[in-house]
N, C-alpha and C. Protein backbone atom coordinates (compact mmCIF):
# COMPACT_ATOMS: atom_id res chain seq x y z
N MET A 1 14.01 -11.48 -9.83
CA MET A 1 14.35 -11.42 -8.42
C MET A 1 13.83 -10.11 -7.80
N ILE A 2 13.14 -10.22 -6.68
CA ILE A 2 12.61 -9.05 -5.98
C ILE A 2 13.66 -8.57 -4.97
N SER A 3 14.18 -7.36 -5.17
CA SER A 3 15.12 -6.79 -4.21
C SER A 3 14.34 -6.17 -3.07
N LEU A 4 14.83 -6.39 -1.84
CA LEU A 4 14.10 -5.97 -0.65
C LEU A 4 15.02 -5.28 0.34
N VAL A 5 14.54 -4.18 0.92
CA VAL A 5 15.24 -3.48 2.00
C VAL A 5 14.31 -3.48 3.22
N VAL A 6 14.87 -3.74 4.40
CA VAL A 6 14.12 -3.75 5.65
C VAL A 6 14.64 -2.63 6.54
N VAL A 7 13.75 -1.77 7.02
CA VAL A 7 14.13 -0.67 7.90
C VAL A 7 13.28 -0.76 9.17
N ASP A 8 13.91 -1.13 10.27
CA ASP A 8 13.22 -1.32 11.54
C ASP A 8 14.23 -1.17 12.67
N ASP A 9 13.85 -0.46 13.73
CA ASP A 9 14.80 -0.21 14.81
C ASP A 9 14.90 -1.36 15.81
N GLN A 10 14.12 -2.41 15.62
CA GLN A 10 14.17 -3.55 16.53
C GLN A 10 15.02 -4.68 15.93
N PRO A 11 16.16 -5.00 16.54
CA PRO A 11 17.03 -6.05 15.98
C PRO A 11 16.33 -7.39 15.80
N LEU A 12 15.45 -7.74 16.73
CA LEU A 12 14.78 -9.03 16.62
C LEU A 12 13.84 -9.07 15.42
N VAL A 13 13.20 -7.95 15.13
CA VAL A 13 12.33 -7.89 13.97
C VAL A 13 13.14 -8.04 12.69
N ARG A 14 14.27 -7.33 12.60
CA ARG A 14 15.11 -7.43 11.42
C ARG A 14 15.63 -8.86 11.25
N MET A 15 16.03 -9.48 12.36
CA MET A 15 16.53 -10.85 12.29
C MET A 15 15.44 -11.80 11.81
N GLY A 16 14.22 -11.63 12.34
CA GLY A 16 13.12 -12.49 11.94
C GLY A 16 12.80 -12.36 10.46
N LEU A 17 12.78 -11.11 9.96
CA LEU A 17 12.51 -10.90 8.55
C LEU A 17 13.64 -11.44 7.68
N ARG A 18 14.88 -11.28 8.17
CA ARG A 18 16.02 -11.82 7.42
C ARG A 18 15.92 -13.33 7.29
N MET A 19 15.60 -14.00 8.39
CA MET A 19 15.47 -15.45 8.38
C MET A 19 14.30 -15.89 7.50
N LEU A 20 13.26 -15.07 7.47
CA LEU A 20 12.08 -15.41 6.68
C LEU A 20 12.38 -15.43 5.19
N VAL A 21 13.19 -14.46 4.74
CA VAL A 21 13.39 -14.32 3.29
C VAL A 21 14.69 -14.94 2.77
N GLU A 22 15.61 -15.29 3.67
CA GLU A 22 16.93 -15.71 3.18
C GLU A 22 16.87 -16.99 2.35
N ASP A 23 15.92 -17.87 2.62
CA ASP A 23 15.79 -19.10 1.85
C ASP A 23 14.60 -19.07 0.90
N GLU A 24 14.02 -17.90 0.75
CA GLU A 24 12.84 -17.77 -0.10
C GLU A 24 13.26 -17.49 -1.54
N ASP A 25 12.86 -18.34 -2.46
CA ASP A 25 13.19 -18.15 -3.86
C ASP A 25 12.56 -16.86 -4.39
N GLY A 26 13.34 -16.11 -5.14
CA GLY A 26 12.81 -14.93 -5.82
C GLY A 26 12.85 -13.65 -5.02
N ILE A 27 13.33 -13.70 -3.76
CA ILE A 27 13.43 -12.49 -2.94
C ILE A 27 14.87 -12.34 -2.45
N ASP A 28 15.45 -11.19 -2.67
CA ASP A 28 16.84 -10.94 -2.29
C ASP A 28 16.89 -9.75 -1.32
N LEU A 29 17.25 -10.03 -0.06
CA LEU A 29 17.39 -8.97 0.93
C LEU A 29 18.73 -8.26 0.68
N VAL A 30 18.64 -7.03 0.17
CA VAL A 30 19.86 -6.31 -0.23
C VAL A 30 20.37 -5.37 0.84
N GLY A 31 19.60 -5.16 1.92
CA GLY A 31 20.09 -4.28 2.97
C GLY A 31 19.12 -4.13 4.12
N GLU A 32 19.66 -3.78 5.29
CA GLU A 32 18.88 -3.52 6.49
C GLU A 32 19.36 -2.22 7.12
N ALA A 33 18.45 -1.53 7.81
CA ALA A 33 18.81 -0.32 8.53
C ALA A 33 17.98 -0.25 9.81
N ALA A 34 18.54 0.45 10.82
CA ALA A 34 17.91 0.50 12.13
C ALA A 34 17.28 1.86 12.45
N ASP A 35 17.36 2.82 11.53
CA ASP A 35 16.72 4.11 11.77
C ASP A 35 16.33 4.74 10.44
N GLY A 36 15.53 5.80 10.52
CA GLY A 36 15.01 6.42 9.32
C GLY A 36 16.04 6.98 8.37
N PRO A 37 16.99 7.82 8.84
CA PRO A 37 17.98 8.37 7.93
C PRO A 37 18.82 7.30 7.22
N ALA A 38 19.26 6.30 7.98
CA ALA A 38 20.04 5.22 7.37
C ALA A 38 19.20 4.43 6.38
N GLY A 39 17.92 4.22 6.73
CA GLY A 39 17.03 3.50 5.83
C GLY A 39 16.81 4.24 4.53
N LEU A 40 16.61 5.56 4.61
CA LEU A 40 16.41 6.35 3.41
C LEU A 40 17.66 6.31 2.52
N ALA A 41 18.83 6.41 3.14
CA ALA A 41 20.08 6.34 2.37
C ALA A 41 20.22 4.97 1.70
N LEU A 42 19.84 3.93 2.42
CA LEU A 42 19.93 2.57 1.88
C LEU A 42 18.99 2.39 0.68
N ILE A 43 17.78 2.91 0.81
CA ILE A 43 16.82 2.81 -0.29
C ILE A 43 17.32 3.59 -1.51
N ARG A 44 17.87 4.77 -1.28
CA ARG A 44 18.39 5.55 -2.40
C ARG A 44 19.58 4.88 -3.07
N ARG A 45 20.37 4.17 -2.28
CA ARG A 45 21.55 3.50 -2.84
C ARG A 45 21.17 2.26 -3.65
N HIS A 46 20.26 1.45 -3.10
CA HIS A 46 19.94 0.17 -3.75
C HIS A 46 18.72 0.25 -4.68
N ARG A 47 17.85 1.24 -4.47
CA ARG A 47 16.62 1.36 -5.25
C ARG A 47 15.90 0.01 -5.32
N PRO A 48 15.52 -0.55 -4.18
CA PRO A 48 14.90 -1.87 -4.17
C PRO A 48 13.51 -1.85 -4.78
N ARG A 49 13.05 -3.01 -5.18
CA ARG A 49 11.68 -3.11 -5.67
C ARG A 49 10.70 -2.90 -4.53
N VAL A 50 11.03 -3.41 -3.33
CA VAL A 50 10.14 -3.29 -2.18
C VAL A 50 10.94 -2.86 -0.96
N ALA A 51 10.39 -1.95 -0.17
CA ALA A 51 10.97 -1.56 1.11
C ALA A 51 9.95 -1.81 2.21
N LEU A 52 10.38 -2.50 3.26
CA LEU A 52 9.55 -2.70 4.45
C LEU A 52 9.96 -1.65 5.47
N LEU A 53 9.04 -0.78 5.86
CA LEU A 53 9.36 0.33 6.76
C LEU A 53 8.59 0.22 8.07
N ASP A 54 9.30 0.28 9.18
CA ASP A 54 8.66 0.41 10.48
C ASP A 54 8.13 1.84 10.60
N VAL A 55 7.12 2.05 11.44
CA VAL A 55 6.56 3.38 11.64
C VAL A 55 7.39 4.19 12.63
N ARG A 56 7.58 3.66 13.82
CA ARG A 56 8.27 4.41 14.87
C ARG A 56 9.75 4.08 14.87
N MET A 57 10.56 5.06 14.43
CA MET A 57 12.02 4.88 14.38
C MET A 57 12.70 6.19 14.75
N PRO A 58 13.93 6.12 15.24
CA PRO A 58 14.66 7.35 15.55
C PRO A 58 15.09 8.08 14.29
N GLY A 59 15.30 9.37 14.43
CA GLY A 59 15.76 10.19 13.31
C GLY A 59 14.62 10.65 12.44
N LEU A 60 14.11 9.74 11.62
CA LEU A 60 12.92 9.97 10.80
C LEU A 60 11.99 8.79 11.01
N ASP A 61 10.70 9.07 11.21
CA ASP A 61 9.79 7.93 11.34
C ASP A 61 9.49 7.36 9.95
N GLY A 62 8.84 6.19 9.93
CA GLY A 62 8.60 5.51 8.68
C GLY A 62 7.73 6.29 7.72
N ILE A 63 6.78 7.07 8.24
CA ILE A 63 5.90 7.83 7.36
C ILE A 63 6.68 8.92 6.64
N GLU A 64 7.61 9.56 7.34
CA GLU A 64 8.41 10.61 6.69
C GLU A 64 9.36 9.99 5.67
N VAL A 65 9.94 8.85 5.98
CA VAL A 65 10.78 8.16 4.99
C VAL A 65 9.94 7.82 3.77
N LEU A 66 8.73 7.32 3.99
CA LEU A 66 7.82 7.00 2.89
C LEU A 66 7.55 8.22 2.03
N ARG A 67 7.26 9.36 2.67
CA ARG A 67 6.98 10.58 1.89
C ARG A 67 8.16 10.95 1.01
N ARG A 68 9.37 10.81 1.54
CA ARG A 68 10.55 11.18 0.76
C ARG A 68 10.81 10.19 -0.37
N VAL A 69 10.50 8.94 -0.13
CA VAL A 69 10.67 7.93 -1.19
C VAL A 69 9.69 8.20 -2.33
N THR A 70 8.41 8.41 -1.99
CA THR A 70 7.41 8.61 -3.04
C THR A 70 7.59 9.94 -3.77
N ALA A 71 8.27 10.89 -3.13
CA ALA A 71 8.50 12.19 -3.77
C ALA A 71 9.75 12.20 -4.64
N ASP A 72 10.56 11.17 -4.56
CA ASP A 72 11.83 11.11 -5.29
C ASP A 72 11.60 10.48 -6.66
N PRO A 73 11.78 11.24 -7.75
CA PRO A 73 11.54 10.68 -9.09
C PRO A 73 12.46 9.52 -9.45
N GLU A 74 13.59 9.41 -8.75
CA GLU A 74 14.50 8.30 -9.03
C GLU A 74 14.08 7.01 -8.32
N LEU A 75 13.03 7.10 -7.48
CA LEU A 75 12.59 5.92 -6.74
C LEU A 75 11.17 5.50 -7.12
N THR A 76 10.77 5.84 -8.34
CA THR A 76 9.42 5.49 -8.77
C THR A 76 9.22 3.98 -8.87
N GLY A 77 10.30 3.23 -8.98
CA GLY A 77 10.19 1.77 -9.06
C GLY A 77 10.14 1.09 -7.71
N THR A 78 10.27 1.86 -6.62
CA THR A 78 10.26 1.29 -5.27
C THR A 78 8.87 1.37 -4.68
N ARG A 79 8.38 0.22 -4.21
CA ARG A 79 7.10 0.16 -3.53
C ARG A 79 7.33 -0.04 -2.04
N VAL A 80 6.50 0.57 -1.22
CA VAL A 80 6.72 0.57 0.23
C VAL A 80 5.58 -0.13 0.95
N ILE A 81 5.96 -1.04 1.85
CA ILE A 81 5.01 -1.66 2.78
C ILE A 81 5.32 -1.11 4.16
N VAL A 82 4.35 -0.50 4.79
CA VAL A 82 4.53 0.03 6.14
C VAL A 82 4.19 -1.08 7.13
N LEU A 83 5.11 -1.28 8.07
CA LEU A 83 5.00 -2.38 9.03
C LEU A 83 5.02 -1.81 10.43
N THR A 84 4.03 -2.18 11.25
CA THR A 84 3.98 -1.64 12.60
C THR A 84 3.30 -2.61 13.55
N SER A 85 3.59 -2.44 14.81
CA SER A 85 2.90 -3.22 15.84
C SER A 85 1.73 -2.44 16.42
N PHE A 86 1.53 -1.23 15.94
CA PHE A 86 0.50 -0.35 16.49
C PHE A 86 -0.68 -0.28 15.53
N ASP A 87 -1.81 -0.81 15.95
CA ASP A 87 -3.02 -0.79 15.14
C ASP A 87 -3.75 0.52 15.41
N VAL A 88 -3.19 1.61 14.88
CA VAL A 88 -3.69 2.95 15.19
C VAL A 88 -4.09 3.65 13.89
N ASP A 89 -5.29 4.24 13.88
CA ASP A 89 -5.82 4.85 12.67
C ASP A 89 -4.87 5.84 12.01
N GLU A 90 -4.25 6.71 12.80
CA GLU A 90 -3.47 7.79 12.19
C GLU A 90 -2.34 7.24 11.35
N TYR A 91 -1.78 6.13 11.74
CA TYR A 91 -0.69 5.55 10.95
C TYR A 91 -1.23 4.97 9.65
N ILE A 92 -2.37 4.31 9.73
CA ILE A 92 -2.95 3.71 8.53
C ILE A 92 -3.23 4.79 7.49
N PHE A 93 -3.93 5.84 7.89
CA PHE A 93 -4.34 6.85 6.93
C PHE A 93 -3.15 7.69 6.46
N ASP A 94 -2.22 8.01 7.35
CA ASP A 94 -1.03 8.75 6.94
C ASP A 94 -0.23 7.95 5.92
N ALA A 95 -0.09 6.65 6.16
CA ALA A 95 0.68 5.80 5.26
C ALA A 95 0.01 5.71 3.89
N LEU A 96 -1.30 5.53 3.87
CA LEU A 96 -2.00 5.44 2.59
C LEU A 96 -1.93 6.75 1.83
N ARG A 97 -2.14 7.85 2.53
CA ARG A 97 -2.09 9.16 1.87
C ARG A 97 -0.70 9.47 1.35
N ALA A 98 0.31 8.98 2.03
CA ALA A 98 1.70 9.25 1.61
C ALA A 98 2.14 8.35 0.48
N GLY A 99 1.33 7.36 0.12
CA GLY A 99 1.66 6.53 -1.04
C GLY A 99 2.11 5.12 -0.74
N ALA A 100 1.82 4.60 0.46
CA ALA A 100 2.18 3.22 0.77
C ALA A 100 1.41 2.27 -0.13
N SER A 101 2.08 1.22 -0.57
CA SER A 101 1.43 0.20 -1.38
C SER A 101 0.90 -0.94 -0.53
N GLY A 102 1.28 -0.97 0.73
CA GLY A 102 0.80 -2.01 1.63
C GLY A 102 0.96 -1.57 3.06
N PHE A 103 0.16 -2.15 3.93
CA PHE A 103 0.24 -1.83 5.36
C PHE A 103 -0.06 -3.11 6.11
N LEU A 104 0.91 -3.58 6.88
CA LEU A 104 0.75 -4.83 7.63
C LEU A 104 1.13 -4.64 9.09
N LEU A 105 0.44 -5.33 9.96
CA LEU A 105 0.82 -5.37 11.36
C LEU A 105 1.93 -6.39 11.55
N LYS A 106 2.79 -6.15 12.53
CA LYS A 106 3.89 -7.07 12.78
C LYS A 106 3.40 -8.43 13.27
N SER A 107 2.16 -8.50 13.67
CA SER A 107 1.58 -9.77 14.10
C SER A 107 1.14 -10.64 12.93
N ALA A 108 1.33 -10.16 11.70
CA ALA A 108 0.92 -10.93 10.52
C ALA A 108 1.69 -12.23 10.44
N GLU A 109 1.07 -13.24 9.87
CA GLU A 109 1.73 -14.54 9.69
C GLU A 109 2.86 -14.42 8.67
N PRO A 110 3.91 -15.24 8.80
CA PRO A 110 5.02 -15.20 7.84
C PRO A 110 4.56 -15.32 6.39
N ALA A 111 3.63 -16.22 6.13
CA ALA A 111 3.14 -16.39 4.76
C ALA A 111 2.49 -15.12 4.24
N GLU A 112 1.81 -14.38 5.14
CA GLU A 112 1.17 -13.13 4.74
C GLU A 112 2.22 -12.07 4.40
N MET A 113 3.32 -12.05 5.15
CA MET A 113 4.41 -11.12 4.86
C MET A 113 4.99 -11.38 3.47
N LEU A 114 5.30 -12.64 3.19
CA LEU A 114 5.89 -12.99 1.90
C LEU A 114 4.92 -12.70 0.76
N HIS A 115 3.65 -12.99 0.99
CA HIS A 115 2.64 -12.70 -0.02
C HIS A 115 2.57 -11.19 -0.29
N ALA A 116 2.65 -10.40 0.77
CA ALA A 116 2.60 -8.94 0.61
C ALA A 116 3.76 -8.45 -0.23
N VAL A 117 4.96 -8.95 0.03
CA VAL A 117 6.14 -8.53 -0.74
C VAL A 117 5.94 -8.85 -2.22
N ARG A 118 5.45 -10.04 -2.52
CA ARG A 118 5.27 -10.46 -3.91
C ARG A 118 4.17 -9.66 -4.60
N VAL A 119 3.07 -9.43 -3.89
CA VAL A 119 1.96 -8.68 -4.47
C VAL A 119 2.37 -7.25 -4.77
N VAL A 120 3.02 -6.61 -3.81
CA VAL A 120 3.43 -5.22 -3.99
C VAL A 120 4.52 -5.11 -5.07
N ALA A 121 5.42 -6.07 -5.11
CA ALA A 121 6.47 -6.06 -6.15
C ALA A 121 5.87 -6.17 -7.55
N ALA A 122 4.72 -6.83 -7.64
CA ALA A 122 4.06 -7.00 -8.94
C ALA A 122 3.27 -5.76 -9.35
N GLY A 123 3.29 -4.72 -8.51
CA GLY A 123 2.62 -3.48 -8.85
C GLY A 123 1.23 -3.33 -8.29
N GLU A 124 0.79 -4.33 -7.50
CA GLU A 124 -0.51 -4.24 -6.87
C GLU A 124 -0.36 -3.58 -5.49
N ALA A 125 -1.48 -3.38 -4.82
CA ALA A 125 -1.46 -2.86 -3.46
C ALA A 125 -2.09 -3.89 -2.55
N LEU A 126 -1.64 -3.92 -1.31
CA LEU A 126 -2.16 -4.91 -0.38
C LEU A 126 -2.41 -4.29 0.98
N LEU A 127 -3.60 -4.50 1.49
CA LEU A 127 -3.94 -4.11 2.85
C LEU A 127 -4.35 -5.36 3.59
N SER A 128 -3.88 -5.52 4.80
CA SER A 128 -4.32 -6.67 5.58
C SER A 128 -5.82 -6.52 5.86
N PRO A 129 -6.54 -7.63 6.03
CA PRO A 129 -7.98 -7.53 6.31
C PRO A 129 -8.30 -6.62 7.50
N ALA A 130 -7.45 -6.67 8.54
CA ALA A 130 -7.70 -5.81 9.70
C ALA A 130 -7.63 -4.34 9.32
N VAL A 131 -6.67 -3.99 8.46
CA VAL A 131 -6.52 -2.61 8.04
C VAL A 131 -7.70 -2.19 7.18
N THR A 132 -8.12 -3.06 6.26
CA THR A 132 -9.27 -2.74 5.40
C THR A 132 -10.50 -2.45 6.24
N ARG A 133 -10.71 -3.25 7.28
CA ARG A 133 -11.87 -3.01 8.15
C ARG A 133 -11.77 -1.66 8.83
N ARG A 134 -10.56 -1.25 9.23
CA ARG A 134 -10.40 0.04 9.88
C ARG A 134 -10.70 1.19 8.91
N VAL A 135 -10.25 1.03 7.65
CA VAL A 135 -10.52 2.06 6.65
C VAL A 135 -12.03 2.20 6.44
N ILE A 136 -12.71 1.06 6.26
CA ILE A 136 -14.14 1.09 6.05
C ILE A 136 -14.85 1.68 7.26
N GLY A 137 -14.43 1.27 8.46
CA GLY A 137 -15.06 1.78 9.67
C GLY A 137 -14.90 3.27 9.83
N ARG A 138 -13.74 3.79 9.42
CA ARG A 138 -13.48 5.23 9.56
C ARG A 138 -14.31 6.06 8.58
N PHE A 139 -14.33 5.64 7.32
CA PHE A 139 -14.95 6.47 6.29
C PHE A 139 -16.41 6.15 6.02
N ALA A 140 -16.85 4.94 6.43
CA ALA A 140 -18.24 4.58 6.15
C ALA A 140 -19.04 4.35 7.43
N GLY A 141 -18.46 4.71 8.56
CA GLY A 141 -19.12 4.47 9.84
C GLY A 141 -20.21 5.47 10.12
N PRO A 142 -20.90 5.30 11.25
CA PRO A 142 -22.03 6.19 11.60
C PRO A 142 -21.61 7.62 11.83
N ALA A 143 -20.31 7.83 12.13
CA ALA A 143 -19.86 9.20 12.37
C ALA A 143 -19.82 10.01 11.08
N GLY A 144 -19.89 9.27 9.94
CA GLY A 144 -19.93 9.98 8.67
C GLY A 144 -18.64 10.70 8.39
N GLY A 145 -17.51 9.96 8.35
CA GLY A 145 -16.21 10.58 8.17
C GLY A 145 -15.88 10.97 6.76
N ARG A 146 -16.84 10.88 5.83
CA ARG A 146 -16.51 11.19 4.45
C ARG A 146 -16.61 12.68 4.17
N ASP A 147 -15.81 13.10 3.21
CA ASP A 147 -15.90 14.47 2.72
C ASP A 147 -17.02 14.54 1.68
N ALA A 148 -17.28 15.75 1.19
CA ALA A 148 -18.16 15.89 0.05
C ALA A 148 -17.51 15.21 -1.16
N PRO A 149 -18.31 14.76 -2.13
CA PRO A 149 -17.74 14.09 -3.30
C PRO A 149 -16.61 14.91 -3.92
N ALA A 150 -15.48 14.24 -4.17
CA ALA A 150 -14.31 14.92 -4.71
C ALA A 150 -14.56 15.32 -6.16
N PRO A 151 -14.18 16.55 -6.57
CA PRO A 151 -14.40 16.97 -7.96
C PRO A 151 -13.72 16.04 -8.95
N GLN A 152 -12.55 15.45 -8.57
CA GLN A 152 -11.84 14.58 -9.49
C GLN A 152 -12.67 13.37 -9.88
N LEU A 153 -13.52 12.90 -8.95
CA LEU A 153 -14.32 11.71 -9.25
C LEU A 153 -15.29 11.96 -10.40
N ALA A 154 -15.66 13.21 -10.60
CA ALA A 154 -16.58 13.55 -11.70
C ALA A 154 -15.94 13.28 -13.05
N ALA A 155 -14.61 13.23 -13.10
CA ALA A 155 -13.91 12.99 -14.36
C ALA A 155 -13.95 11.52 -14.76
N LEU A 156 -14.33 10.64 -13.83
CA LEU A 156 -14.37 9.22 -14.12
C LEU A 156 -15.64 8.86 -14.89
N THR A 157 -15.50 7.89 -15.79
CA THR A 157 -16.69 7.37 -16.45
C THR A 157 -17.48 6.52 -15.45
N GLU A 158 -18.72 6.19 -15.81
CA GLU A 158 -19.54 5.37 -14.92
C GLU A 158 -18.87 4.03 -14.64
N ARG A 159 -18.28 3.42 -15.67
CA ARG A 159 -17.62 2.13 -15.48
C ARG A 159 -16.38 2.27 -14.61
N GLU A 160 -15.62 3.34 -14.80
CA GLU A 160 -14.43 3.55 -13.97
C GLU A 160 -14.81 3.73 -12.51
N ARG A 161 -15.89 4.47 -12.26
CA ARG A 161 -16.35 4.66 -10.88
C ARG A 161 -16.79 3.32 -10.28
N GLU A 162 -17.42 2.50 -11.10
CA GLU A 162 -17.88 1.20 -10.63
C GLU A 162 -16.69 0.32 -10.27
N VAL A 163 -15.68 0.31 -11.11
CA VAL A 163 -14.50 -0.52 -10.86
C VAL A 163 -13.75 -0.03 -9.63
N VAL A 164 -13.59 1.28 -9.50
CA VAL A 164 -12.91 1.84 -8.33
C VAL A 164 -13.69 1.49 -7.05
N GLY A 165 -15.00 1.52 -7.13
CA GLY A 165 -15.81 1.15 -5.98
C GLY A 165 -15.55 -0.28 -5.54
N TRP A 166 -15.41 -1.19 -6.51
CA TRP A 166 -15.12 -2.58 -6.15
C TRP A 166 -13.71 -2.74 -5.60
N VAL A 167 -12.77 -1.94 -6.10
CA VAL A 167 -11.42 -1.95 -5.52
C VAL A 167 -11.49 -1.55 -4.06
N ALA A 168 -12.25 -0.50 -3.77
CA ALA A 168 -12.39 -0.03 -2.39
C ALA A 168 -13.09 -1.06 -1.51
N ALA A 169 -13.88 -1.93 -2.12
CA ALA A 169 -14.54 -2.98 -1.37
C ALA A 169 -13.62 -4.17 -1.10
N GLY A 170 -12.41 -4.12 -1.67
CA GLY A 170 -11.41 -5.13 -1.38
C GLY A 170 -11.28 -6.24 -2.40
N LEU A 171 -11.89 -6.08 -3.58
CA LEU A 171 -11.82 -7.13 -4.60
C LEU A 171 -10.56 -7.00 -5.45
N SER A 172 -10.04 -8.14 -5.90
CA SER A 172 -8.90 -8.17 -6.82
C SER A 172 -9.40 -7.93 -8.24
N ASN A 173 -8.48 -7.73 -9.18
CA ASN A 173 -8.87 -7.53 -10.57
C ASN A 173 -9.69 -8.70 -11.10
N ASP A 174 -9.24 -9.92 -10.81
CA ASP A 174 -9.96 -11.11 -11.30
C ASP A 174 -11.36 -11.18 -10.71
N GLU A 175 -11.49 -10.84 -9.42
CA GLU A 175 -12.81 -10.87 -8.78
C GLU A 175 -13.73 -9.81 -9.37
N ILE A 176 -13.18 -8.62 -9.64
CA ILE A 176 -13.98 -7.56 -10.26
C ILE A 176 -14.41 -7.98 -11.66
N ALA A 177 -13.49 -8.61 -12.39
CA ALA A 177 -13.81 -9.05 -13.74
C ALA A 177 -14.98 -10.04 -13.73
N ARG A 178 -14.95 -10.98 -12.80
CA ARG A 178 -16.06 -11.95 -12.71
C ARG A 178 -17.36 -11.26 -12.31
N ARG A 179 -17.26 -10.31 -11.38
CA ARG A 179 -18.46 -9.64 -10.90
C ARG A 179 -19.12 -8.81 -12.01
N LEU A 180 -18.29 -8.15 -12.84
CA LEU A 180 -18.82 -7.26 -13.87
C LEU A 180 -18.89 -7.90 -15.25
N VAL A 181 -18.51 -9.18 -15.32
CA VAL A 181 -18.49 -9.92 -16.58
C VAL A 181 -17.62 -9.18 -17.61
N LEU A 182 -16.38 -8.89 -17.18
CA LEU A 182 -15.39 -8.25 -18.03
C LEU A 182 -14.13 -9.11 -18.02
N SER A 183 -13.23 -8.84 -18.93
CA SER A 183 -11.94 -9.52 -18.89
C SER A 183 -11.04 -8.81 -17.87
N PRO A 184 -10.09 -9.53 -17.24
CA PRO A 184 -9.15 -8.87 -16.32
C PRO A 184 -8.39 -7.73 -17.00
N ALA A 185 -8.07 -7.89 -18.29
CA ALA A 185 -7.36 -6.83 -19.01
C ALA A 185 -8.20 -5.57 -19.10
N THR A 186 -9.51 -5.73 -19.30
CA THR A 186 -10.40 -4.56 -19.37
C THR A 186 -10.48 -3.88 -18.01
N VAL A 187 -10.53 -4.68 -16.95
CA VAL A 187 -10.55 -4.10 -15.60
C VAL A 187 -9.27 -3.30 -15.36
N ARG A 188 -8.12 -3.86 -15.74
CA ARG A 188 -6.85 -3.14 -15.57
C ARG A 188 -6.86 -1.82 -16.33
N THR A 189 -7.43 -1.84 -17.54
CA THR A 189 -7.50 -0.61 -18.34
C THR A 189 -8.31 0.46 -17.62
N HIS A 190 -9.48 0.07 -17.10
CA HIS A 190 -10.31 1.04 -16.36
C HIS A 190 -9.58 1.57 -15.13
N LEU A 191 -8.88 0.68 -14.41
CA LEU A 191 -8.15 1.10 -13.22
C LEU A 191 -7.02 2.06 -13.57
N ASN A 192 -6.28 1.74 -14.62
CA ASN A 192 -5.17 2.60 -15.03
C ASN A 192 -5.67 3.99 -15.42
N ARG A 193 -6.79 4.04 -16.12
CA ARG A 193 -7.35 5.33 -16.51
C ARG A 193 -7.83 6.11 -15.28
N ALA A 194 -8.45 5.39 -14.34
CA ALA A 194 -8.92 6.05 -13.12
C ALA A 194 -7.75 6.59 -12.31
N MET A 195 -6.67 5.81 -12.19
CA MET A 195 -5.50 6.27 -11.43
C MET A 195 -4.87 7.50 -12.09
N THR A 196 -4.85 7.50 -13.42
CA THR A 196 -4.31 8.66 -14.13
C THR A 196 -5.15 9.91 -13.86
N LYS A 197 -6.45 9.77 -13.95
CA LYS A 197 -7.33 10.92 -13.74
C LYS A 197 -7.29 11.43 -12.30
N LEU A 198 -7.13 10.51 -11.35
CA LEU A 198 -7.12 10.89 -9.93
C LEU A 198 -5.71 11.18 -9.41
N HIS A 199 -4.70 10.98 -10.26
CA HIS A 199 -3.30 11.15 -9.85
C HIS A 199 -2.99 10.24 -8.66
N ALA A 200 -3.49 9.02 -8.72
CA ALA A 200 -3.25 8.04 -7.67
C ALA A 200 -2.04 7.21 -8.01
N ARG A 201 -1.18 7.00 -7.02
CA ARG A 201 0.03 6.22 -7.24
C ARG A 201 -0.30 4.75 -7.47
N ASP A 202 -1.28 4.22 -6.74
CA ASP A 202 -1.61 2.80 -6.85
C ASP A 202 -3.00 2.55 -6.28
N ARG A 203 -3.36 1.26 -6.15
CA ARG A 203 -4.69 0.90 -5.69
C ARG A 203 -4.96 1.38 -4.27
N ALA A 204 -3.93 1.39 -3.43
CA ALA A 204 -4.14 1.83 -2.05
C ALA A 204 -4.64 3.27 -2.01
N GLN A 205 -4.06 4.13 -2.83
CA GLN A 205 -4.53 5.51 -2.86
C GLN A 205 -5.91 5.63 -3.49
N LEU A 206 -6.25 4.72 -4.41
CA LEU A 206 -7.60 4.71 -4.96
C LEU A 206 -8.63 4.47 -3.86
N VAL A 207 -8.29 3.59 -2.91
CA VAL A 207 -9.19 3.31 -1.80
C VAL A 207 -9.44 4.59 -0.99
N VAL A 208 -8.38 5.35 -0.72
CA VAL A 208 -8.51 6.60 0.02
C VAL A 208 -9.40 7.58 -0.73
N PHE A 209 -9.13 7.75 -2.04
CA PHE A 209 -9.94 8.68 -2.84
C PHE A 209 -11.40 8.27 -2.84
N ALA A 210 -11.64 6.95 -2.96
CA ALA A 210 -13.02 6.47 -3.03
C ALA A 210 -13.79 6.79 -1.76
N TYR A 211 -13.18 6.50 -0.59
CA TYR A 211 -13.87 6.74 0.67
C TYR A 211 -13.96 8.22 1.00
N GLN A 212 -12.88 8.95 0.78
CA GLN A 212 -12.91 10.37 1.10
C GLN A 212 -13.84 11.13 0.17
N GLY A 213 -13.94 10.65 -1.07
CA GLY A 213 -14.76 11.36 -2.06
C GLY A 213 -16.22 10.96 -2.06
N GLY A 214 -16.60 10.04 -1.15
CA GLY A 214 -18.01 9.66 -1.08
C GLY A 214 -18.48 8.75 -2.19
N LEU A 215 -17.55 8.04 -2.85
CA LEU A 215 -17.94 7.11 -3.90
C LEU A 215 -18.73 5.94 -3.29
N PRO A 216 -19.86 5.56 -3.87
CA PRO A 216 -20.62 4.42 -3.34
C PRO A 216 -19.76 3.14 -3.36
N ILE A 217 -19.68 2.47 -2.23
CA ILE A 217 -18.88 1.25 -2.12
C ILE A 217 -19.83 0.07 -2.08
N PRO A 218 -19.71 -0.86 -3.02
CA PRO A 218 -20.62 -2.02 -3.02
C PRO A 218 -20.50 -2.81 -1.72
N GLY A 219 -21.62 -3.33 -1.25
CA GLY A 219 -21.62 -4.11 -0.03
C GLY A 219 -21.31 -5.57 -0.27
């Protein structure tokens, strides 16, 4: 059973999410909160597998709640999906850098929301296609938003760099395995080693490291 906490200052949003998951097998909504401080307390009390966080909230915004969750060693089992109605770059990049495992717009379809909860609960990371396009546009666009190659990337083997590049291109483990003619287990091994070397919390942060560090991203 996936335990879920929802933190959003809009009652209608909380009600909609509650109705969405209440009859969904395998997902248990263990708590709701309407502001950042209450949400953080709720997460610390229940230690849910997944927390859905709004960005703009009174008290503490969702990004600050996210930072405190990812910094708390007792909450290493909690994965965070940042949820917002604002398609604004600063929120996307702040959320990814702070350790979000997913980022969805509130306009996402119900099926996409449920899929995100399940994917993130399984330890993967999920970005909506719209968000992925914004990341690529920011770091690979004509303005040249990339930094110089990160020294940490030099610690990766050639295969690890290749796998991370495909992750940044938006491929799943199974898709990478087919592309590189490897087993999914081998792909996971390369990813785990890369995350350890880069001190990345999950795949979402690998995407940030790849683009910021100038890693070649397959087209």
